Amino acid sequence: MRAYLASSIGVACTAALALPLAVYPGPAHARAERTAASSGSTQSLPLLPLVADGLDRGAVAPGGDAPAPAPAPADRGVAASRVRPFSLVGVVWDQPSADLHGRVQVRTRAVGGEWSPWRELLPYGDEGPDPDSPELRGVRAHGGTAPLWVGDSDGVQARVRPEGVAVTGGGAGAGADAAGGADAGGGAGVDAGGGAGVDAGGGAAAGASADGGPGAGARSAALPSGLRLELIDPGEAPAPPPPDRAVLRALPAHPAPTARGAAPGARPSAGPSWGPSRWSARPSLRPPGPSRPSVKPSWPSRWSAKPSPRPSGSSAKPLPYPSTHSTHSTQPTPPPGAITPPPSALAEEAAKANAARYSAPRPSIVTRAGWGADEKIRETGHVYSKTVKVAFVHHTVTGNKYSCSQAPSVLRSIYRYHVKSLGWRDYGYNFTIDKCGKIYEGRSGGVTKAVRGAHTLGFNTNSMGVAVLGTFSAKKPPAKAVKAIAKLTAWKLGLFKRNPRGTTHLVSGGGNKYKKGANVKLHVIAGHRDGFATECPGKDLYKKLGSVRKTAARLQGR
């Protein structure tokens, strides 16, 4: 994702432009896919060649001295003034390996409100499944742009201009009539409101396909086939699940180690310890009497032996309760009669205890059920890596104009776009964080497991993707979101014994920065741009990764 994806392009053309877009009349139809109301829906509108003389030559863009430019012969577009409400928009095409080689501009009309400025969408070529993965090579996979969250809208206009064709008039090459959207009286607008497809409005009956036709010109070959505009409705939020199922509560990642190995914030275990937890025994507080045998240490049965009974008349006294203020720097000597474990077993337990000391508590995580993921639309089963070596940080570039209460709707929209529009097996990111610092479970398969996602092209194996909802190219990420990244990565990387301040190596699966098979050195907490030539996660979020690493390491007790 490029950082400038959701930026406004030029000055919005409003009511001064009488006829913004016109398409060649033809048999193309708007395809709509809908399931249950709570699951949302997808409307798919074909992007057709634009009529070259479909704009009012006398119209002048606000604040400009020149009339709005006419569409170039190879431009594709659609104007739909009456569509079912939607909240997220993107453009897709047939082949996932095809590059767009063009510029996509969209504007939307809020329900009962005004038209937005023109904004630009860019391809998702830098994030997605790895090139050789079945997920990307499957028959359902498509290429596409990153999606853009636009809020409740019921009108849309879009235009795709091939590379090499100049855009003048402030970048608003396709104007808009804010009052009524596309006027099909003199050309052909698309009315997808009732699924009727193209309303020719008196235009010619002869159609033109989306891949050619009159006026398409030689430049049309630069654009991929099957261009269409996807309008996503996230659906209504489902009834919230019980609290214990909606959120994974903050819990320690491991049992609290003893002494200096305790996890940050963990309470020390009560009572003394003979050493590593596996060998520890807590003597009874009940004073021994003549009718009660001495306390037997609870060594594992493999090493246990019953202490020798005390000879009759012996003056030996029972072992005293071990002092909690012992000044010995080494383990106390095990009680008499116990068999000492072999050094190899002790070394193994010491290694486990050492790994446990570098762990962090699990933060609260909203489950997929908590944000309303429709489990019926994704592929069944899961794909796992062997481990998690790197946490890649992203921004979704869906824009910052959402409230924290809308975050579940944004996630449901992105999820539907990833699965239904791009053909991925599931939601792409492993975790997502909103502007208020709330953490959401992303791709299914278990938050503690090494689930293989679709987030960093070429480096999805043995890594995880953490995306912050928003665009942070020219806007600083909220402090709560940055802190949440540190909490999440400290916990998850701790499960796999990774130092957040360290480096490691991953083998590239292929991309524009590292060729396939390259052994690449990366930070354990890395930005998307570290593995792919992209502006993601935006320069302002990328600047925060140093402090994220430091905070995550501190939370692990390093």
Protein backbone atom coordinates (compact mmCIF):
# COMPACT_ATOMS: atom_id res chain seq x y z
CA MET A 1 0.00 0.00 0.00
CA ARG A 2 1.30 3.39 -0.84
CA ALA A 3 0.97 6.06 1.71
CA TYR A 4 -0.85 8.50 -0.47
CA LEU A 5 -3.61 6.05 -1.33
CA ALA A 6 -6.43 7.76 0.49
CA SER A 7 -5.32 11.33 -0.07
CA SER A 8 -7.60 13.79 -1.79
CA ILE A 9 -6.67 14.43 -5.42
CA GLY A 10 -7.11 18.02 -6.40
CA VAL A 11 -10.25 20.03 -5.88
CA ALA A 12 -13.56 18.23 -5.98
CA CYS A 13 -15.69 19.02 -9.00
CA THR A 14 -19.20 19.68 -7.79
CA ALA A 15 -22.43 20.85 -9.40
CA ALA A 16 -20.63 22.92 -12.02
CA LEU A 17 -19.94 19.74 -13.99
CA ALA A 18 -23.23 18.77 -15.54
CA LEU A 19 -22.35 15.38 -16.98
CA PRO A 20 -19.33 13.83 -15.32
CA LEU A 21 -19.11 10.35 -16.77
CA ALA A 22 -20.72 8.48 -19.61
CA VAL A 23 -20.19 4.93 -20.72
CA TYR A 24 -20.87 3.26 -24.03
CA PRO A 25 -24.35 1.75 -23.90
CA GLY A 26 -24.31 -1.99 -23.96
CA PRO A 27 -25.39 -5.21 -22.31
CA ALA A 28 -23.08 -4.95 -19.28
CA HIS A 29 -24.84 -5.55 -16.01
CA ALA A 30 -24.16 -4.69 -12.41
CA ARG A 31 -23.61 -7.90 -10.47
CA ALA A 32 -24.73 -7.97 -6.87
CA GLU A 33 -23.93 -10.71 -4.38
CA ARG A 34 -25.91 -10.79 -1.16
CA THR A 35 -26.28 -13.19 1.68
CA ALA A 36 -28.09 -12.69 4.96
CA ALA A 37 -28.53 -9.07 5.96
CA SER A 38 -26.14 -9.40 8.88
CA SER A 39 -23.43 -10.81 6.60
CA GLY A 40 -23.27 -7.83 4.25
CA SER A 41 -23.19 -7.77 0.46
CA THR A 42 -21.04 -6.97 -2.55
CA GLN A 43 -22.09 -4.99 -5.63
CA SER A 44 -19.84 -5.32 -8.67
CA LEU A 45 -20.03 -2.70 -11.44
CA PRO A 46 -18.06 -3.12 -14.70
CA LEU A 47 -15.78 -0.26 -15.70
CA LEU A 48 -16.56 0.47 -19.36
CA PRO A 49 -14.92 2.75 -21.95
CA LEU A 50 -15.96 6.38 -21.49
CA VAL A 51 -17.63 8.42 -24.22
CA ALA A 52 -15.07 10.96 -25.40
CA ASP A 53 -17.55 13.79 -25.76
CA GLY A 54 -19.63 12.98 -22.71
CA LEU A 55 -18.58 16.03 -20.68
CA ASP A 56 -20.02 19.50 -20.83
CA ARG A 57 -17.29 21.50 -22.57
CA GLY A 58 -18.46 24.70 -20.94
CA ALA A 59 -18.14 23.39 -17.42
CA VAL A 60 -15.33 24.88 -15.36
CA ALA A 61 -13.96 23.24 -12.27
CA PRO A 62 -14.36 25.34 -9.11
CA GLY A 63 -11.38 27.63 -8.67
CA GLY A 64 -10.06 26.86 -12.15
CA ASP A 65 -9.91 28.80 -15.41
CA ALA A 66 -10.04 25.88 -17.84
CA PRO A 67 -12.95 23.59 -18.63
CA ALA A 68 -12.85 20.08 -17.29
CA PRO A 69 -10.92 17.71 -19.59
CA ALA A 70 -12.68 15.18 -21.74
CA PRO A 71 -11.98 11.51 -21.13
CA ALA A 72 -9.09 10.03 -23.05
CA PRO A 73 -10.04 7.29 -25.55
CA ALA A 74 -8.69 4.53 -23.32
CA ASP A 75 -10.33 5.67 -20.07
CA ARG A 76 -12.72 3.33 -18.29
CA GLY A 77 -15.33 4.38 -15.79
CA VAL A 78 -18.77 4.15 -14.27
CA ALA A 79 -21.28 6.59 -12.82
CA ALA A 80 -23.93 5.14 -10.54
CA SER A 81 -26.20 7.61 -8.81
CA ARG A 82 -28.60 5.05 -7.34
CA VAL A 83 -27.03 2.01 -5.70
CA ARG A 84 -27.76 0.10 -2.55
CA PRO A 85 -25.93 1.58 0.44
CA PHE A 86 -22.28 0.59 0.81
CA SER A 87 -19.36 1.67 2.99
CA LEU A 88 -16.15 0.45 1.32
CA VAL A 89 -15.00 0.64 -2.29
CA GLY A 90 -12.22 -0.96 -4.34
CA VAL A 91 -11.38 -1.92 -7.94
CA VAL A 92 -10.49 -5.46 -9.01
CA TRP A 93 -9.50 -7.21 -12.25
CA ASP A 94 -9.19 -10.77 -13.50
CA GLN A 95 -5.56 -11.80 -13.18
CA PRO A 96 -3.76 -11.33 -9.83
CA SER A 97 -0.39 -11.26 -11.64
CA ALA A 98 -1.44 -8.39 -13.92
CA ASP A 99 -0.27 -4.87 -13.02
CA LEU A 100 -2.78 -2.05 -13.17
CA HIS A 101 -0.59 0.40 -15.14
CA GLY A 102 -3.17 3.06 -14.54
CA ARG A 103 -4.63 5.55 -12.12
CA VAL A 104 -7.92 4.92 -10.30
CA GLN A 105 -10.04 7.79 -9.05
CA VAL A 106 -13.28 7.46 -7.09
CA ARG A 107 -15.74 9.73 -5.39
CA THR A 108 -18.81 8.78 -3.40
CA ARG A 109 -22.00 10.40 -2.20
CA ALA A 110 -22.94 10.03 1.45
CA VAL A 111 -26.46 8.83 2.15
CA GLY A 112 -28.51 12.01 2.27
CA GLY A 113 -25.37 14.12 1.94
CA GLU A 114 -22.75 15.58 -0.39
CA TRP A 115 -20.30 14.12 -2.87
CA SER A 116 -16.81 13.54 -1.53
CA PRO A 117 -13.63 14.86 -3.17
CA TRP A 118 -11.93 12.63 -5.73
CA ARG A 119 -9.59 10.16 -4.11
CA GLU A 120 -7.09 7.73 -5.56
CA LEU A 121 -6.79 3.99 -5.15
CA LEU A 122 -3.58 2.09 -5.85
CA PRO A 123 -2.93 -1.65 -6.32
CA TYR A 124 -2.53 -4.21 -3.57
CA GLY A 125 0.55 -5.53 -5.32
CA ASP A 126 2.70 -5.14 -2.23
CA GLU A 127 0.61 -7.20 0.13
CA GLY A 128 -1.25 -10.43 -0.31
CA PRO A 129 -0.52 -14.15 -0.52
CA ASP A 130 2.96 -15.24 -1.60
CA PRO A 131 3.48 -15.63 -5.37
CA ASP A 132 3.67 -19.44 -5.37
CA SER A 133 0.96 -20.03 -2.78
CA PRO A 134 -2.26 -21.87 -3.73
CA GLU A 135 -4.10 -18.91 -2.28
CA LEU A 136 -2.80 -16.57 -5.00
CA ARG A 137 -2.71 -19.12 -7.82
CA GLY A 138 -6.25 -20.36 -7.27
CA VAL A 139 -9.01 -19.80 -9.80
CA ARG A 140 -10.79 -17.41 -7.45
CA ALA A 141 -7.85 -15.04 -7.01
CA HIS A 142 -7.96 -11.57 -8.59
CA GLY A 143 -5.81 -8.47 -8.71
CA GLY A 144 -7.09 -5.32 -7.09
CA THR A 145 -6.54 -2.02 -5.38
CA ALA A 146 -6.48 -1.46 -1.67
CA PRO A 147 -9.99 -0.80 -0.36
CA LEU A 148 -11.14 2.60 0.88
CA TRP A 149 -13.60 3.14 3.73
CA VAL A 150 -16.10 5.84 2.70
CA GLY A 151 -18.89 5.40 5.25
CA ASP A 152 -22.58 5.02 4.42
CA SER A 153 -22.91 5.98 0.76
CA ASP A 154 -25.44 5.42 -2.03
CA GLY A 155 -23.77 6.98 -5.08
CA VAL A 156 -20.39 6.42 -6.70
CA GLN A 157 -18.33 7.52 -9.70
CA ALA A 158 -15.05 5.99 -10.77
CA ARG A 159 -12.55 6.36 -13.58
CA VAL A 160 -9.40 4.48 -14.53
CA ARG A 161 -6.86 6.29 -16.74
CA PRO A 162 -3.94 4.35 -18.26
CA GLU A 163 -0.39 5.44 -17.54
CA GLY A 164 1.00 8.06 -19.93
CA VAL A 165 -2.30 9.92 -20.27
CA ALA A 166 -2.08 13.34 -18.65
CA VAL A 167 -4.68 14.36 -16.08
CA THR A 168 -5.40 18.08 -15.95
CA GLY A 169 -7.92 20.20 -14.14
CA GLY A 170 -6.52 19.52 -10.65
CA GLY A 171 -6.66 15.75 -10.98
CA ALA A 172 -10.46 15.71 -11.16
CA GLY A 173 -10.52 14.35 -14.66
CA ALA A 174 -14.03 13.04 -14.16
CA GLY A 175 -16.33 15.63 -12.69
CA ALA A 176 -19.56 15.15 -10.79
CA ASP A 177 -22.98 16.69 -10.47
CA ALA A 178 -23.34 16.77 -6.69
CA ALA A 179 -27.05 17.19 -6.92
CA GLY A 180 -27.88 14.22 -9.03
CA GLY A 181 -24.74 12.22 -9.80
CA ALA A 182 -24.62 10.80 -13.31
CA ASP A 183 -27.19 12.12 -15.79
CA ALA A 184 -27.85 9.42 -18.34
CA GLY A 185 -29.93 11.62 -20.60
CA GLY A 186 -27.24 12.35 -23.12
CA GLY A 187 -24.96 9.41 -22.51
CA ALA A 188 -25.24 6.23 -20.55
CA GLY A 189 -25.03 6.11 -16.78
CA VAL A 190 -25.07 2.96 -14.74
CA ASP A 191 -28.01 2.55 -12.40
CA ALA A 192 -27.23 -0.36 -10.13
CA GLY A 193 -29.92 0.41 -7.61
CA GLY A 194 -32.25 -2.25 -8.85
CA GLY A 195 -29.64 -4.44 -10.46
CA ALA A 196 -30.85 -3.37 -13.90
CA GLY A 197 -27.35 -2.66 -15.14
CA VAL A 198 -26.92 0.07 -17.78
CA ASP A 199 -29.66 2.57 -18.47
CA ALA A 200 -28.94 3.74 -22.00
CA GLY A 201 -31.24 6.72 -21.65
CA GLY A 202 -31.72 7.14 -25.37
CA GLY A 203 -28.20 6.21 -26.40
CA ALA A 204 -27.25 3.77 -29.13
CA ALA A 205 -28.30 0.16 -28.71
CA ALA A 206 -25.04 -1.30 -29.94
CA GLY A 207 -22.91 -2.28 -26.95
CA ALA A 208 -19.20 -2.32 -26.26
CA SER A 209 -17.44 -4.77 -24.05
CA ALA A 210 -15.32 -3.71 -21.09
CA ASP A 211 -12.20 -4.77 -22.96
CA GLY A 212 -12.60 -2.82 -26.14
CA GLY A 213 -15.09 -1.09 -28.42
CA PRO A 214 -15.32 2.28 -30.09
CA GLY A 215 -13.06 4.84 -28.57
CA ALA A 216 -11.08 2.33 -26.55
CA GLY A 217 -7.96 3.13 -28.53
CA ALA A 218 -4.64 1.40 -28.56
CA ARG A 219 -3.92 2.39 -24.96
CA SER A 220 -6.67 0.12 -23.63
CA ALA A 221 -4.22 -2.76 -23.75
CA ALA A 222 -2.33 -1.14 -20.87
CA LEU A 223 -5.21 -1.84 -18.50
CA PRO A 224 -5.90 -5.37 -17.20
CA SER A 225 -9.03 -7.18 -18.32
CA GLY A 226 -12.17 -7.49 -16.25
CA LEU A 227 -11.95 -4.12 -14.49
CA ARG A 228 -14.84 -3.66 -12.10
CA LEU A 229 -15.77 -1.54 -9.13
CA GLU A 230 -16.59 -3.37 -5.90
CA LEU A 231 -19.01 -1.78 -3.42
CA ILE A 232 -19.01 -3.49 -0.02
CA ASP A 233 -21.76 -3.33 2.57
CA PRO A 234 -20.48 -4.66 5.92
CA GLY A 235 -23.97 -5.61 7.05
CA GLU A 236 -25.44 -5.14 10.47
CA ALA A 237 -23.41 -6.05 13.51
CA PRO A 238 -24.50 -9.42 14.89
CA ALA A 239 -25.73 -9.85 18.42
CA PRO A 240 -22.69 -9.60 20.69
CA PRO A 241 -21.47 -12.94 22.02
CA PRO A 242 -21.06 -13.48 25.76
CA PRO A 243 -18.20 -11.40 27.20
CA ASP A 244 -16.00 -14.43 27.79
CA ARG A 245 -16.27 -15.35 24.11
CA ALA A 246 -16.12 -11.86 22.60
CA VAL A 247 -12.74 -10.96 24.09
CA LEU A 248 -9.69 -12.97 24.98
CA ARG A 249 -8.88 -11.48 28.32
CA ALA A 250 -5.41 -10.34 29.32
CA LEU A 251 -3.66 -13.33 30.89
CA PRO A 252 -0.05 -14.28 31.55
CA ALA A 253 1.60 -15.94 28.60
CA HIS A 254 3.28 -18.54 30.84
CA PRO A 255 3.14 -19.55 34.50
CA ALA A 256 4.98 -16.94 36.49
CA PRO A 257 8.64 -17.93 36.94
CA THR A 258 10.25 -17.59 40.33
CA ALA A 259 12.60 -14.93 41.62
CA ARG A 260 14.18 -12.67 39.01
CA GLY A 261 12.58 -14.64 36.19
CA ALA A 262 9.09 -13.37 37.00
CA ALA A 263 7.15 -11.91 34.12
CA PRO A 264 6.39 -8.19 34.38
CA GLY A 265 3.32 -7.63 36.50
CA ALA A 266 3.09 -11.27 37.60
CA ARG A 267 2.70 -12.08 41.28
CA PRO A 268 5.45 -14.18 42.82
CA SER A 269 4.32 -17.61 43.88
CA ALA A 270 3.67 -18.01 47.59
CA GLY A 271 5.99 -20.15 49.64
CA PRO A 272 9.57 -21.24 49.12
CA SER A 273 10.92 -23.20 46.21
CA TRP A 274 13.66 -25.78 45.99
CA GLY A 275 14.56 -24.69 42.49
CA PRO A 276 12.97 -24.87 39.02
CA SER A 277 9.21 -25.30 39.17
CA ARG A 278 9.22 -28.91 37.98
CA TRP A 279 11.30 -29.97 40.97
CA SER A 280 9.78 -27.66 43.56
CA ALA A 281 8.09 -28.97 46.70
CA ARG A 282 6.24 -26.99 49.34
CA PRO A 283 6.49 -28.59 52.79
CA SER A 284 3.31 -28.79 54.80
CA LEU A 285 2.69 -26.05 57.31
CA ARG A 286 1.20 -28.59 59.73
CA PRO A 287 3.74 -29.48 62.45
CA PRO A 288 4.72 -33.14 62.32
CA GLY A 289 3.40 -35.28 65.11
CA PRO A 290 4.30 -38.71 66.29
CA SER A 291 1.49 -40.26 64.28
CA ARG A 292 2.35 -38.47 61.02
CA PRO A 293 5.31 -39.34 58.79
CA SER A 294 7.70 -36.73 57.58
CA VAL A 295 6.60 -34.80 54.47
CA LYS A 296 7.75 -36.48 51.27
CA PRO A 297 9.12 -34.06 48.65
CA SER A 298 7.00 -34.07 45.48
CA TRP A 299 9.72 -34.95 43.00
CA PRO A 300 8.40 -36.48 39.76
CA SER A 301 7.89 -40.22 40.14
CA ARG A 302 10.79 -40.95 37.85
CA TRP A 303 13.24 -39.60 40.42
CA SER A 304 11.30 -40.17 43.64
CA ALA A 305 12.36 -42.42 46.47
CA LYS A 306 10.77 -42.84 49.88
CA PRO A 307 12.96 -41.38 52.61
CA SER A 308 14.43 -43.94 54.98
CA PRO A 309 12.33 -44.31 58.14
CA ARG A 310 13.81 -42.80 61.27
CA PRO A 311 15.36 -45.42 63.56
CA SER A 312 13.49 -46.06 66.78
CA GLY A 313 14.62 -43.82 69.52
CA SER A 314 16.50 -41.60 67.20
CA SER A 315 16.98 -38.06 68.36
CA ALA A 316 16.90 -36.72 64.81
CA LYS A 317 14.37 -33.95 64.32
CA PRO A 318 12.12 -33.33 61.30
CA LEU A 319 13.43 -31.00 58.65
CA PRO A 320 12.65 -27.37 59.47
CA TYR A 321 10.52 -25.30 57.07
CA PRO A 322 12.97 -23.71 54.58
CA SER A 323 13.66 -20.06 55.21
CA THR A 324 12.25 -17.61 52.70
CA HIS A 325 15.22 -15.38 53.41
CA SER A 326 17.93 -17.81 52.49
CA THR A 327 21.15 -16.12 51.51
CA HIS A 328 22.38 -19.03 49.40
CA SER A 329 22.95 -18.06 45.76
CA THR A 330 22.49 -21.66 44.65
CA GLN A 331 19.68 -24.13 45.03
CA PRO A 332 19.16 -25.58 48.52
CA THR A 333 20.19 -29.17 48.97
CA PRO A 334 17.22 -31.51 48.36
CA PRO A 335 15.83 -33.28 51.43
CA PRO A 336 17.65 -36.43 52.56
CA GLY A 337 16.55 -39.57 50.83
CA ALA A 338 15.57 -37.86 47.57
CA ILE A 339 17.31 -38.89 44.37
CA THR A 340 18.91 -35.88 42.66
CA PRO A 341 17.78 -35.41 39.03
CA PRO A 342 20.50 -35.83 36.41
CA PRO A 343 22.25 -32.66 35.20
CA SER A 344 20.70 -32.95 31.73
CA ALA A 345 17.18 -32.80 33.17
CA LEU A 346 18.05 -29.79 35.29
CA ALA A 347 19.61 -28.04 32.30
CA GLU A 348 16.46 -28.64 30.27
CA GLU A 349 14.30 -27.16 32.98
CA ALA A 350 16.64 -24.23 33.40
CA ALA A 351 16.33 -23.47 29.68
CA LYS A 352 12.54 -23.54 29.92
CA ALA A 353 12.57 -21.27 32.94
CA ASN A 354 14.90 -18.88 31.14
CA ALA A 355 12.55 -18.76 28.14
CA ALA A 356 9.58 -18.16 30.41
CA ARG A 357 11.18 -15.15 32.01
CA TYR A 358 11.15 -13.34 28.63
CA SER A 359 7.41 -13.33 28.18
CA ALA A 360 4.69 -10.74 28.42
CA PRO A 361 1.05 -10.87 29.50
CA ARG A 362 -1.51 -11.49 26.81
CA PRO A 363 -3.44 -8.32 25.97
CA SER A 364 -7.20 -8.23 25.51
CA ILE A 365 -8.10 -9.30 21.97
CA VAL A 366 -11.51 -8.99 20.32
CA THR A 367 -12.26 -12.35 18.73
CA ARG A 368 -13.60 -12.84 15.21
CA ALA A 369 -17.00 -13.53 16.72
CA GLY A 370 -16.66 -10.28 18.63
CA TRP A 371 -16.33 -8.18 15.44
CA GLY A 372 -18.85 -10.26 13.50
CA ALA A 373 -16.77 -12.26 11.02
CA ASP A 374 -18.99 -14.47 8.86
CA GLU A 375 -17.18 -17.81 9.05
CA LYS A 376 -19.22 -19.23 6.16
CA ILE A 377 -17.56 -17.09 3.47
CA ARG A 378 -13.94 -18.10 4.12
CA GLU A 379 -12.26 -21.34 3.11
CA THR A 380 -12.38 -24.15 5.61
CA GLY A 381 -9.21 -25.28 7.34
CA HIS A 382 -6.08 -23.30 8.12
CA VAL A 383 -2.49 -22.99 6.94
CA TYR A 384 0.32 -22.71 9.48
CA SER A 385 4.01 -21.89 9.51
CA LYS A 386 6.52 -23.59 11.79
CA THR A 387 7.16 -20.51 13.89
CA VAL A 388 6.85 -16.72 14.06
CA LYS A 389 10.17 -14.95 13.54
CA VAL A 390 9.05 -11.49 12.39
CA ALA A 391 6.07 -9.23 13.09
CA PHE A 392 5.42 -6.98 10.07
CA VAL A 393 3.60 -3.73 10.84
CA HIS A 394 1.18 -2.28 8.25
CA HIS A 395 -1.41 0.42 7.85
CA THR A 396 -4.59 -0.50 6.00
CA VAL A 397 -4.76 2.76 3.99
CA THR A 398 -8.54 2.66 4.30
CA GLY A 399 -8.53 6.25 5.56
CA ASN A 400 -8.86 7.74 9.03
CA LYS A 401 -12.48 8.86 8.85
CA TYR A 402 -13.96 6.18 11.03
CA SER A 403 -15.00 6.12 14.66
CA CYS A 404 -13.80 3.43 17.03
CA SER A 405 -17.37 2.12 17.26
CA GLN A 406 -17.26 1.63 13.47
CA ALA A 407 -14.06 -0.43 13.56
CA PRO A 408 -15.89 -3.80 13.53
CA SER A 409 -17.79 -2.66 10.42
CA VAL A 410 -14.52 -1.67 8.74
CA LEU A 411 -13.06 -5.09 9.54
CA ARG A 412 -16.11 -6.90 8.18
CA SER A 413 -15.86 -4.85 4.98
CA ILE A 414 -12.15 -5.55 4.50
CA TYR A 415 -12.74 -9.22 5.26
CA ARG A 416 -15.46 -9.47 2.61
CA TYR A 417 -13.30 -7.59 0.09
CA HIS A 418 -10.33 -9.90 0.72
CA VAL A 419 -12.40 -13.08 0.37
CA LYS A 420 -15.22 -12.25 -2.07
CA SER A 421 -13.53 -9.66 -4.29
CA LEU A 422 -9.84 -10.68 -4.26
CA GLY A 423 -10.47 -14.40 -3.78
CA TRP A 424 -8.20 -14.92 -0.76
CA ARG A 425 -8.94 -17.77 1.62
CA ASP A 426 -9.53 -15.48 4.60
CA TYR A 427 -8.85 -12.04 6.05
CA GLY A 428 -5.27 -11.10 5.19
CA TYR A 429 -3.79 -9.72 8.42
CA ASN A 430 -3.22 -11.81 11.53
CA PHE A 431 -4.20 -8.92 13.81
CA THR A 432 -5.68 -5.46 13.37
CA ILE A 433 -5.59 -2.49 15.75
CA ASP A 434 -7.94 0.50 15.63
CA LYS A 435 -7.16 4.13 16.46
CA CYS A 436 -8.31 3.61 20.06
CA GLY A 437 -5.79 0.82 20.63
CA LYS A 438 -8.25 -2.08 20.58
CA ILE A 439 -6.76 -5.30 19.20
CA TYR A 440 -8.77 -7.60 16.92
CA GLU A 441 -8.14 -11.19 15.89
CA GLY A 442 -7.65 -11.29 12.12
CA ARG A 443 -7.08 -14.45 10.09
CA SER A 444 -8.61 -17.46 11.81
CA GLY A 445 -6.64 -20.37 13.14
CA GLY A 446 -5.81 -19.43 16.72
CA VAL A 447 -4.21 -16.27 18.11
CA THR A 448 -1.43 -18.24 19.82
CA LYS A 449 -0.48 -20.20 16.70
CA ALA A 450 1.76 -19.46 13.72
CA VAL A 451 -1.11 -18.84 11.28
CA ARG A 452 0.12 -18.00 7.78
CA GLY A 453 -1.51 -14.78 6.61
CA ALA A 454 -1.59 -12.72 3.42
CA HIS A 455 0.02 -9.41 4.32
CA THR A 456 3.64 -9.12 3.16
CA LEU A 457 4.14 -10.44 -0.37
CA GLY A 458 7.09 -12.84 -0.31
CA PHE A 459 7.42 -13.01 3.49
CA ASN A 460 4.20 -14.53 4.81
CA THR A 461 5.91 -17.74 5.93
CA ASN A 462 7.18 -17.68 9.54
CA SER A 463 5.86 -14.18 10.11
CA MET A 464 2.73 -12.39 11.27
CA GLY A 465 1.03 -9.23 10.03
CA VAL A 466 -0.22 -6.48 12.36
CA ALA A 467 -2.23 -3.74 10.62
CA VAL A 468 -3.36 -0.45 12.11
CA LEU A 469 -6.68 0.77 10.69
CA GLY A 470 -5.98 4.05 8.94
CA THR A 471 -3.50 5.93 6.76
CA PHE A 472 -0.33 7.26 8.35
CA SER A 473 1.63 8.83 5.55
CA ALA A 474 1.00 12.41 6.71
CA LYS A 475 -0.81 11.78 9.98
CA LYS A 476 0.75 10.58 13.20
CA PRO A 477 -0.62 7.30 14.51
CA PRO A 478 -2.52 7.56 17.81
CA ALA A 479 -0.42 6.82 20.89
CA LYS A 480 -2.94 4.17 21.99
CA ALA A 481 -2.48 2.30 18.73
CA VAL A 482 1.32 2.39 19.00
CA LYS A 483 1.17 1.11 22.57
CA ALA A 484 -1.15 -1.69 21.48
CA ILE A 485 1.36 -2.78 18.81
CA ALA A 486 4.01 -3.09 21.53
CA LYS A 487 1.73 -5.08 23.85
CA LEU A 488 0.63 -7.44 21.10
CA THR A 489 4.09 -8.09 19.66
CA ALA A 490 5.66 -8.50 23.11
CA TRP A 491 3.18 -11.23 23.95
CA LYS A 492 3.04 -13.05 20.60
CA LEU A 493 6.78 -12.92 19.91
CA GLY A 494 7.41 -14.07 23.48
CA LEU A 495 5.46 -17.26 22.75
CA PHE A 496 8.07 -18.05 20.10
CA LYS A 497 11.07 -16.86 22.16
CA ARG A 498 11.80 -13.80 20.00
CA ASN A 499 13.54 -10.68 21.25
CA PRO A 500 11.62 -7.62 19.99
CA ARG A 501 14.88 -5.65 19.76
CA GLY A 502 16.69 -8.37 17.86
CA THR A 503 17.14 -9.35 14.23
CA THR A 504 16.55 -12.58 12.36
CA HIS A 505 16.47 -13.97 8.81
CA LEU A 506 13.62 -14.92 6.49
CA VAL A 507 13.80 -16.49 3.06
CA SER A 508 12.06 -14.39 0.41
CA GLY A 509 9.28 -15.95 -1.60
CA GLY A 510 9.78 -13.33 -4.32
CA GLY A 511 9.01 -9.65 -4.61
CA ASN A 512 10.20 -6.33 -5.98
CA LYS A 513 12.89 -5.82 -3.33
CA TYR A 514 14.34 -9.31 -2.81
CA LYS A 515 14.41 -12.10 -5.34
CA LYS A 516 12.98 -15.49 -4.54
CA GLY A 517 15.25 -17.54 -2.30
CA ALA A 518 17.19 -14.59 -0.88
CA ASN A 519 18.08 -14.94 2.81
CA VAL A 520 17.09 -11.54 4.19
CA LYS A 521 18.09 -10.06 7.54
CA LEU A 522 15.17 -8.26 9.19
CA HIS A 523 14.21 -6.70 12.49
CA VAL A 524 12.05 -8.99 14.59
CA ILE A 525 9.55 -6.11 14.57
CA ALA A 526 9.72 -4.77 11.02
CA GLY A 527 7.79 -2.44 8.78
CA HIS A 528 6.19 -3.69 5.59
CA ARG A 529 8.66 -1.59 3.58
CA ASP A 530 11.53 -3.61 5.06
CA GLY A 531 10.46 -6.61 3.00
CA PHE A 532 8.91 -4.91 -0.04
CA ALA A 533 9.51 -1.62 -1.86
CA THR A 534 6.43 0.23 -0.63
CA GLU A 535 5.54 3.21 1.52
CA CYS A 536 3.59 1.02 3.98
CA PRO A 537 3.17 1.42 6.94
CA GLY A 538 3.43 5.13 6.19
CA LYS A 539 6.37 7.26 7.21
CA ASP A 540 4.78 8.48 10.45
CA LEU A 541 3.99 4.98 11.71
CA TYR A 542 7.32 3.61 10.50
CA LYS A 543 9.11 6.21 12.65
CA LYS A 544 7.47 4.74 15.74
CA LEU A 545 8.84 1.22 15.30
CA GLY A 546 11.99 1.98 17.29
CA SER A 547 9.95 2.89 20.36
CA VAL A 548 7.67 -0.11 19.74
CA ARG A 549 10.67 -2.45 19.86
CA LYS A 550 11.94 -0.85 23.06
CA THR A 551 8.56 -1.01 24.80
CA ALA A 552 7.90 -4.58 23.69
CA ALA A 553 11.29 -5.70 25.00
CA ARG A 554 10.60 -4.01 28.35
CA LEU A 555 7.23 -5.77 28.58
CA GLN A 556 9.09 -9.06 28.08
CA GLY A 557 11.37 -8.20 30.99
CA ARG A 558 14.46 -7.63 28.87
